[in-house]
């Protein structure tokens, strides 16, 4: 399972996006510089009161855009920056075009607004500026220069919008991947529990039936031995069930421990065959029951499929002989399990899913062949000649 990456909480602006300290400082510096020149030029040029008021409103809206906590308030501040700033662009010799551009960028980059809002804001600002220039008899060059700045704001806003959309889609894709990984882990654990229950509980029923028959016949010693076998089977099943449940809760160790399937006695093919015989079944084997030429992951997948195949044989062909072979075939090991009766169900789907998770050319097929139900597996041999003694013990 995938562990959720550690997140670092950054201060957030009014649009809800995390803001770094550098962004705060840069915008604060911009407000300070524009305010300084606005006051200095206004004092020198003796701006009328309405210019002071509208310029102050535009700068206050800029500050509100930085420190506001409500998205609606921030967007309203952006609109005020565009309107108030564009009214005083001409009398301030284009100085107040700066908050107008910042407001257009804000409106254009907000993904919750329609994409055309930034362009409409620029057109409105250009119209107000042109009207102000006409009233105040300003030059055409000033209006043209202003239009270039407004176009730049539209382009920057659109670029930021596209970046934020891509970032949001990336986060959603990552969340989908994590969700898919979690569901895959749950499905894997469900298959493990299914196999454990089918093998352990089914075997326990057979063992207890045998114990009952032996006690009725007065064969206490054999019944005692059967009870011991049943206890061992129950303990192994409980260990396997705990492993499957732990895989759902362990975020770090479960995926990295390739030897987990080898941890219990019930995860070995020779043990499964011995259990099947103890249940009264007949098994004919050919080849290597230890599966020494397979690595831990492939060996675990083969054992799990064999467990399901043997459980199906006990359910659908009780007492009928089962044939199991595991032979080297070139660069792969071919493992087959055959019993006289066919069976179907969720177990067959689980077999295919287990082998698909190996991510290589391993294959498994199940179906009726020559009057028998055959499960055939083919897996590549391990990169080394065998397994360590620790894995076999």
Protein backbone atom coordinates (compact mmCIF):
# COMPACT_ATOMS: atom_id res chain seq x y z
CA UNK A 1 0.00 0.00 0.00
CA UNK A 2 1.17 3.51 -0.64
CA UNK A 3 1.87 5.76 2.27
CA UNK A 4 0.57 9.29 1.97
CA UNK A 5 3.46 11.71 1.36
CA UNK A 6 4.23 14.17 4.09
CA UNK A 7 2.81 17.60 3.37
CA UNK A 8 4.27 20.93 4.38
CA UNK A 9 1.60 23.49 5.15
CA UNK A 10 2.37 26.87 3.60
CA UNK A 11 0.57 30.14 4.26
CA UNK A 12 -2.41 30.51 1.96
CA UNK A 13 -3.71 33.53 0.12
CA UNK A 14 -7.32 34.48 -0.25
CA UNK A 15 -7.72 32.24 -3.29
CA UNK A 16 -6.91 29.24 -1.12
CA UNK A 17 -3.60 28.47 -2.82
CA UNK A 18 -0.43 28.01 -0.75
CA UNK A 19 1.84 31.05 -0.89
CA UNK A 20 5.53 31.06 -0.16
CA UNK A 21 7.24 33.74 1.89
CA UNK A 22 8.93 34.98 -1.27
CA UNK A 23 5.54 35.56 -2.92
CA UNK A 24 4.32 37.57 0.06
CA UNK A 25 7.51 39.62 0.08
CA UNK A 26 7.41 40.26 -3.68
CA UNK A 27 3.81 41.47 -3.62
CA UNK A 28 4.45 43.55 -0.52
CA UNK A 29 7.41 45.17 -2.25
CA UNK A 30 5.27 45.89 -5.31
CA UNK A 31 2.61 47.62 -3.20
CA UNK A 32 5.27 49.64 -1.37
CA UNK A 33 7.01 50.79 -4.56
CA UNK A 34 3.77 51.82 -6.30
CA UNK A 35 2.55 53.59 -3.13
CA UNK A 36 5.84 55.49 -2.84
CA UNK A 37 5.75 56.79 -6.39
CA UNK A 38 2.01 57.44 -6.21
CA UNK A 39 2.51 59.69 -3.16
CA UNK A 40 5.64 61.33 -4.52
CA UNK A 41 4.22 62.08 -7.97
CA UNK A 42 0.84 63.06 -6.55
CA UNK A 43 2.47 65.56 -4.24
CA UNK A 44 4.55 67.00 -7.04
CA UNK A 45 1.69 67.13 -9.55
CA UNK A 46 -0.95 68.19 -7.02
CA UNK A 47 -3.42 65.45 -7.86
CA UNK A 48 -7.05 66.31 -7.18
CA UNK A 49 -8.81 64.58 -4.31
CA UNK A 50 -10.63 62.06 -6.49
CA UNK A 51 -7.29 60.73 -7.83
CA UNK A 52 -6.00 60.30 -4.28
CA UNK A 53 -9.16 58.48 -3.26
CA UNK A 54 -9.36 56.14 -6.25
CA UNK A 55 -5.63 55.45 -6.18
CA UNK A 56 -5.82 54.67 -2.45
CA UNK A 57 -8.80 52.36 -3.07
CA UNK A 58 -6.88 50.47 -5.78
CA UNK A 59 -3.84 50.02 -3.51
CA UNK A 60 -6.03 48.99 -0.56
CA UNK A 61 -7.71 46.40 -2.79
CA UNK A 62 -4.26 45.11 -3.73
CA UNK A 63 -3.43 44.60 -0.05
CA UNK A 64 -6.81 42.97 0.52
CA UNK A 65 -6.07 40.63 -2.36
CA UNK A 66 -2.94 39.50 -0.52
CA UNK A 67 -4.34 39.18 3.00
CA UNK A 68 -8.04 38.45 2.43
CA UNK A 69 -9.25 35.03 3.60
CA UNK A 70 -12.49 34.77 1.66
CA UNK A 71 -12.38 33.89 -2.03
CA UNK A 72 -15.30 36.18 -2.76
CA UNK A 73 -13.60 39.07 -0.99
CA UNK A 74 -10.40 38.50 -2.95
CA UNK A 75 -12.20 38.35 -6.29
CA UNK A 76 -14.11 41.51 -5.39
CA UNK A 77 -10.78 43.15 -4.56
CA UNK A 78 -9.49 42.15 -8.00
CA UNK A 79 -12.48 43.78 -9.67
CA UNK A 80 -11.98 46.95 -7.60
CA UNK A 81 -8.31 47.05 -8.60
CA UNK A 82 -9.29 46.94 -12.27
CA UNK A 83 -12.00 49.61 -12.06
CA UNK A 84 -10.42 52.03 -9.59
CA UNK A 85 -6.94 51.66 -11.07
CA UNK A 86 -8.07 52.20 -14.68
CA UNK A 87 -9.84 55.46 -13.68
CA UNK A 88 -6.54 56.95 -12.50
CA UNK A 89 -4.15 55.47 -15.07
CA UNK A 90 -4.14 58.69 -17.14
CA UNK A 91 -3.73 61.25 -14.33
CA UNK A 92 -0.91 59.19 -12.76
CA UNK A 93 0.98 58.85 -16.06
CA UNK A 94 0.25 55.09 -16.25
CA UNK A 95 1.64 54.37 -12.77
CA UNK A 96 -1.65 52.85 -11.60
CA UNK A 97 -1.67 50.39 -14.51
CA UNK A 98 0.25 48.08 -12.15
CA UNK A 99 -2.69 47.24 -9.81
CA UNK A 100 -4.95 47.00 -12.87
CA UNK A 101 -2.68 44.33 -14.40
CA UNK A 102 -2.45 42.50 -11.06
CA UNK A 103 -6.25 42.47 -10.84
CA UNK A 104 -6.60 41.13 -14.39
CA UNK A 105 -4.07 38.38 -13.65
CA UNK A 106 -6.01 37.46 -10.50
CA UNK A 107 -9.35 37.22 -12.32
CA UNK A 108 -7.91 35.39 -15.32
CA UNK A 109 -6.02 32.82 -13.21
CA UNK A 110 -8.99 31.86 -10.99
CA UNK A 111 -10.16 28.48 -12.25
CA UNK A 112 -13.59 28.83 -10.62
CA UNK A 113 -14.38 31.74 -12.94
CA UNK A 114 -15.10 31.44 -16.68
CA UNK A 115 -12.00 31.64 -18.83
CA UNK A 116 -13.19 34.84 -20.51
CA UNK A 117 -13.42 36.90 -17.29
CA UNK A 118 -9.80 38.09 -17.50
CA UNK A 119 -10.20 39.24 -21.10
CA UNK A 120 -13.46 41.04 -20.31
CA UNK A 121 -11.78 42.78 -17.37
CA UNK A 122 -8.98 43.94 -19.69
CA UNK A 123 -11.49 45.29 -22.24
CA UNK A 124 -13.37 47.16 -19.50
CA UNK A 125 -10.11 48.61 -18.17
CA UNK A 126 -9.09 49.69 -21.68
CA UNK A 127 -12.48 51.33 -22.25
CA UNK A 128 -12.34 53.22 -18.96
CA UNK A 129 -8.77 54.31 -19.65
CA UNK A 130 -9.65 55.48 -23.18
CA UNK A 131 -12.65 57.41 -21.86
CA UNK A 132 -10.50 59.00 -19.16
CA UNK A 133 -7.86 59.89 -21.75
CA UNK A 134 -10.51 61.55 -23.92
CA UNK A 135 -11.84 63.61 -21.03
CA UNK A 136 -8.37 64.60 -19.82
CA UNK A 137 -7.00 65.12 -23.35
CA UNK A 138 -4.23 62.54 -22.98
CA UNK A 139 -2.17 61.25 -25.91
CA UNK A 140 -3.06 58.21 -27.97
CA UNK A 141 0.37 56.75 -27.26
CA UNK A 142 -0.51 56.49 -23.55
CA UNK A 143 -3.66 54.52 -24.36
CA UNK A 144 -1.75 52.23 -26.72
CA UNK A 145 0.92 51.60 -24.10
CA UNK A 146 -1.81 50.86 -21.59
CA UNK A 147 -3.44 48.34 -23.95
CA UNK A 148 -0.12 46.50 -24.29
CA UNK A 149 0.14 46.22 -20.50
CA UNK A 150 -3.44 44.98 -20.26
CA UNK A 151 -2.80 42.34 -22.94
CA UNK A 152 0.24 41.19 -20.97
CA UNK A 153 -1.96 40.79 -17.89
CA UNK A 154 -4.46 38.68 -19.85
CA UNK A 155 -1.70 36.39 -21.14
CA UNK A 156 -0.14 35.97 -17.69
CA UNK A 157 -3.51 35.23 -16.13
CA UNK A 158 -4.35 32.62 -18.76
CA UNK A 159 -0.94 30.99 -18.35
CA UNK A 160 -1.37 30.76 -14.59
CA UNK A 161 -4.86 29.36 -15.07
CA UNK A 162 -3.58 26.58 -17.32
CA UNK A 163 -0.80 25.80 -14.86
CA UNK A 164 -3.26 25.54 -11.98
CA UNK A 165 -5.58 23.28 -14.01
CA UNK A 166 -2.66 21.00 -14.87
CA UNK A 167 -1.58 20.97 -11.22
CA UNK A 168 -5.10 20.10 -10.08
CA UNK A 169 -5.36 17.27 -12.61
CA UNK A 170 -1.99 15.96 -11.48
CA UNK A 171 -3.18 15.86 -7.86
CA UNK A 172 -6.38 14.10 -8.91
CA UNK A 173 -4.40 11.57 -10.93
CA UNK A 174 -2.13 10.90 -7.95
CA UNK A 175 -5.17 10.46 -5.70
CA UNK A 176 -6.68 8.03 -8.23
CA UNK A 177 -3.44 6.05 -8.32
CA UNK A 178 -3.34 5.84 -4.53
CA UNK A 179 -6.99 4.80 -4.44
CA UNK A 180 -6.38 2.15 -7.09
CA UNK A 181 -3.38 0.83 -5.15
CA UNK A 182 -5.47 0.64 -1.98
CA UNK A 183 -8.26 -1.23 -3.79
CA UNK A 184 -5.71 -3.61 -5.30
CA UNK A 185 -4.29 -4.32 -1.84
CA UNK A 186 -7.77 -4.97 -0.50
CA UNK A 187 -8.57 -7.29 -3.40
CA UNK A 188 -5.31 -9.15 -2.81
CA UNK A 189 -6.10 -9.53 0.90
CA UNK A 190 -9.62 -10.68 0.05
CA UNK A 191 -8.22 -13.39 -2.24
CA UNK A 192 -5.82 -14.50 0.50
CA UNK A 193 -8.63 -14.71 3.04
CA UNK A 194 -10.78 -16.60 0.49
CA UNK A 195 -8.02 -19.15 -0.04
CA UNK A 196 -7.30 -19.49 3.68
CA UNK A 197 -10.95 -20.06 4.53
CA UNK A 198 -11.49 -22.54 1.70
CA UNK A 199 -8.37 -24.51 2.63
CA UNK A 200 -8.38 -24.30 6.43
CA UNK A 201 -12.09 -24.43 7.23
CA UNK A 202 -12.81 -27.04 4.56
CA UNK A 203 -9.95 -29.13 5.87
CA UNK A 204 -11.12 -28.73 9.45
CA UNK A 205 -14.57 -30.03 8.53
CA UNK A 206 -13.01 -33.13 6.94
CA UNK A 207 -10.70 -33.68 9.88
CA UNK A 208 -13.48 -33.35 12.44
CA UNK A 209 -15.69 -35.70 10.44
CA UNK A 210 -12.85 -38.21 10.48
CA UNK A 211 -12.33 -37.70 14.22
CA UNK A 212 -16.01 -38.35 14.87
CA UNK A 213 -15.91 -41.55 12.82
CA UNK A 214 -12.74 -42.74 14.55
CA UNK A 215 -14.16 -42.10 18.02
CA UNK A 216 -17.32 -44.02 17.14
CA UNK A 217 -15.09 -46.89 16.05
CA UNK A 218 -13.09 -46.70 19.29
CA UNK A 219 -9.85 -45.78 17.54
CA UNK A 220 -8.86 -43.13 20.05
CA UNK A 221 -5.18 -42.94 19.13
CA UNK A 222 -5.93 -42.20 15.48
CA UNK A 223 -8.61 -39.71 16.50
CA UNK A 224 -6.09 -37.97 18.77
CA UNK A 225 -3.65 -37.72 15.87
CA UNK A 226 -6.38 -36.26 13.66
CA UNK A 227 -7.19 -33.69 16.34
CA UNK A 228 -3.54 -32.67 16.41
CA UNK A 229 -3.55 -32.31 12.62
CA UNK A 230 -6.71 -30.22 12.84
CA UNK A 231 -5.13 -27.97 15.47
CA UNK A 232 -2.05 -27.45 13.28
CA UNK A 233 -4.24 -26.67 10.31
CA UNK A 234 -6.27 -24.15 12.31
CA UNK A 235 -3.09 -22.46 13.61
CA UNK A 236 -1.68 -22.18 10.09
CA UNK A 237 -4.97 -20.80 8.78
CA UNK A 238 -5.08 -18.23 11.57
CA UNK A 239 -1.51 -17.15 10.80
CA UNK A 240 -2.34 -16.75 7.11
CA UNK A 241 -5.50 -14.78 7.91
CA UNK A 242 -3.55 -12.47 10.20
CA UNK A 243 -0.97 -11.91 7.47
CA UNK A 244 -3.71 -10.99 4.99
CA UNK A 245 -5.33 -8.56 7.42
CA UNK A 246 -1.97 -7.04 8.36
CA UNK A 247 -1.32 -6.32 4.69
CA UNK A 248 -4.28 -3.92 4.72
CA UNK A 249 -3.01 -1.99 7.73
CA UNK A 250 0.74 -2.02 7.18
CA UNK A 251 1.66 0.98 5.00
CA UNK A 252 5.40 0.43 4.92
CA UNK A 253 6.50 -3.15 5.56
CA UNK A 254 3.91 -5.22 3.67
CA UNK A 255 4.84 -4.31 0.07
CA UNK A 256 8.58 -4.35 0.70
CA UNK A 257 8.71 -7.79 2.35
CA UNK A 258 8.79 -10.22 -0.53
CA UNK A 259 9.36 -13.08 1.92
CA UNK A 260 6.05 -12.58 3.75
CA UNK A 261 4.28 -15.42 1.85
CA UNK A 262 7.12 -17.75 2.93
CA UNK A 263 6.61 -16.92 6.61
CA UNK A 264 4.15 -19.71 7.45
CA UNK A 265 4.17 -23.46 7.07
CA UNK A 266 0.91 -23.34 5.10
CA UNK A 267 2.57 -21.29 2.34
CA UNK A 268 4.58 -24.23 0.98
CA UNK A 269 3.45 -26.59 -1.73
CA UNK A 270 4.70 -29.72 0.02
CA UNK A 271 2.65 -28.75 3.09
CA UNK A 272 -0.49 -28.24 1.00
CA UNK A 273 -0.04 -31.67 -0.55
CA UNK A 274 0.47 -33.26 2.86
CA UNK A 275 -2.65 -31.54 4.18
CA UNK A 276 -4.68 -32.74 1.21
CA UNK A 277 -3.58 -36.32 1.88
CA UNK A 278 -4.43 -35.94 5.57
CA UNK A 279 -7.94 -34.89 4.55
CA UNK A 280 -8.34 -38.27 2.85
CA UNK A 281 -7.42 -37.11 -0.64
CA UNK A 282 -5.08 -38.80 -3.07
CA UNK A 283 -2.31 -36.78 -4.73
CA UNK A 284 0.15 -37.96 -7.34
CA UNK A 285 3.14 -35.66 -7.72
CA UNK A 286 5.79 -35.25 -10.35
CA UNK A 287 8.84 -33.00 -10.24
CA UNK A 288 10.03 -30.62 -7.53
CA UNK A 289 7.47 -30.07 -4.75
CA UNK A 290 9.75 -27.46 -3.13
CA UNK A 291 9.70 -25.21 -6.22
CA UNK A 292 13.35 -24.42 -5.51
CA UNK A 293 13.94 -22.80 -8.90
CA UNK A 294 11.37 -20.05 -8.30
CA UNK A 295 11.89 -16.87 -6.33
CA UNK A 296 9.71 -16.01 -3.32
CA UNK A 297 7.12 -13.94 -5.22
CA UNK A 298 6.53 -16.51 -7.99
CA UNK A 299 6.61 -19.41 -5.53
CA UNK A 300 3.96 -17.69 -3.40
CA UNK A 301 1.70 -17.13 -6.42
CA UNK A 302 2.04 -20.78 -7.47
CA UNK A 303 1.31 -22.04 -3.96
CA UNK A 304 -1.76 -19.81 -3.61
CA UNK A 305 -3.17 -21.02 -6.94
CA UNK A 306 -2.44 -24.64 -6.00
CA UNK A 307 -4.24 -24.13 -2.69
CA UNK A 308 -7.34 -22.92 -4.53
CA UNK A 309 -7.12 -25.78 -7.04
CA UNK A 310 -6.85 -28.39 -4.26
CA UNK A 311 -9.76 -26.78 -2.38
CA UNK A 312 -11.86 -26.93 -5.56
CA UNK A 313 -10.92 -30.60 -6.00
CA UNK A 314 -12.05 -31.41 -2.46
CA UNK A 315 -15.34 -29.57 -2.96
CA UNK A 316 -16.20 -30.84 -6.41
CA UNK A 317 -14.35 -34.16 -6.59
CA UNK A 318 -14.09 -35.48 -3.01
CA UNK A 319 -12.01 -38.63 -2.80
CA UNK A 320 -10.99 -38.48 -6.47
CA UNK A 321 -7.26 -38.50 -7.30
CA UNK A 322 -5.44 -35.23 -8.01
CA UNK A 323 -2.30 -34.94 -10.10
CA UNK A 324 0.26 -32.20 -9.41
CA UNK A 325 3.37 -31.69 -11.51
CA UNK A 326 6.13 -29.10 -11.31
CA UNK A 327 8.77 -29.55 -13.99
CA UNK A 328 11.43 -27.36 -15.54
CA UNK A 329 10.57 -26.36 -19.10
CA UNK A 330 13.44 -24.40 -20.59
CA UNK A 331 13.68 -21.04 -18.82
CA UNK A 332 10.41 -21.56 -16.96
CA UNK A 333 8.74 -23.97 -14.57
CA UNK A 334 5.42 -25.49 -15.61
CA UNK A 335 3.06 -26.39 -12.78
CA UNK A 336 -0.24 -28.19 -13.37
CA UNK A 337 -2.99 -29.37 -11.04
CA UNK A 338 -5.63 -31.72 -12.48
CA UNK A 339 -8.68 -33.43 -10.96
CA UNK A 340 -11.50 -35.42 -12.60
CA UNK A 341 -14.24 -32.81 -12.20
CA UNK A 342 -14.47 -29.26 -13.52
CA UNK A 343 -15.21 -26.27 -11.32
CA UNK A 344 -15.63 -22.57 -11.75
CA UNK A 345 -16.19 -19.52 -9.59
CA UNK A 346 -14.39 -16.57 -8.09
CA UNK A 347 -11.26 -18.63 -7.43
CA UNK A 348 -10.42 -18.85 -11.13
CA UNK A 349 -10.61 -15.07 -11.49
CA UNK A 350 -8.39 -14.75 -8.43
CA UNK A 351 -5.81 -17.06 -10.00
CA UNK A 352 -5.53 -14.82 -13.06
CA UNK A 353 -5.32 -11.70 -10.89
CA UNK A 354 -2.47 -13.15 -8.83
CA UNK A 355 -0.39 -13.89 -11.90
CA UNK A 356 -1.19 -10.52 -13.48
CA UNK A 357 0.30 -8.84 -10.39
CA UNK A 358 3.66 -10.51 -11.04
CA UNK A 359 4.13 -8.15 -13.98
CA UNK A 360 6.05 -10.55 -16.24
CA UNK A 361 5.30 -13.32 -18.73
CA UNK A 362 3.94 -15.70 -16.06
CA UNK A 363 0.67 -17.31 -17.20
CA UNK A 364 -2.12 -19.33 -15.64
CA UNK A 365 -5.01 -21.08 -17.40
CA UNK A 366 -7.87 -23.12 -16.00
CA UNK A 367 -10.43 -25.23 -17.83
CA UNK A 368 -11.65 -28.66 -18.80
CA UNK A 369 -9.18 -30.85 -20.69
CA UNK A 370 -9.70 -34.55 -21.55
CA UNK A 371 -12.44 -34.99 -18.94
CA UNK A 372 -10.47 -33.33 -16.14
CA UNK A 373 -10.32 -29.82 -14.75
CA UNK A 374 -6.75 -28.60 -15.22
CA UNK A 375 -5.02 -25.56 -13.77
CA UNK A 376 -1.81 -24.92 -15.72
CA UNK A 377 0.83 -22.38 -14.67
CA UNK A 378 4.06 -21.30 -16.31
CA UNK A 379 6.48 -19.06 -14.42
CA UNK A 380 10.09 -18.01 -15.14
CA UNK A 381 12.83 -19.51 -13.03
CA UNK A 382 14.62 -17.40 -10.44
CA UNK A 383 17.72 -15.45 -11.34
CA UNK A 384 19.67 -17.76 -9.05
CA UNK A 385 19.86 -21.50 -9.12
CA UNK A 386 17.83 -22.14 -5.99
CA UNK A 387 16.75 -20.75 -2.66
CA UNK A 388 18.62 -20.21 0.52
CA UNK A 389 18.35 -22.74 3.30
CA UNK A 390 16.59 -20.13 5.34
CA UNK A 391 13.77 -20.00 2.79
CA UNK A 392 13.47 -23.80 2.68
CA UNK A 393 13.47 -24.35 6.42
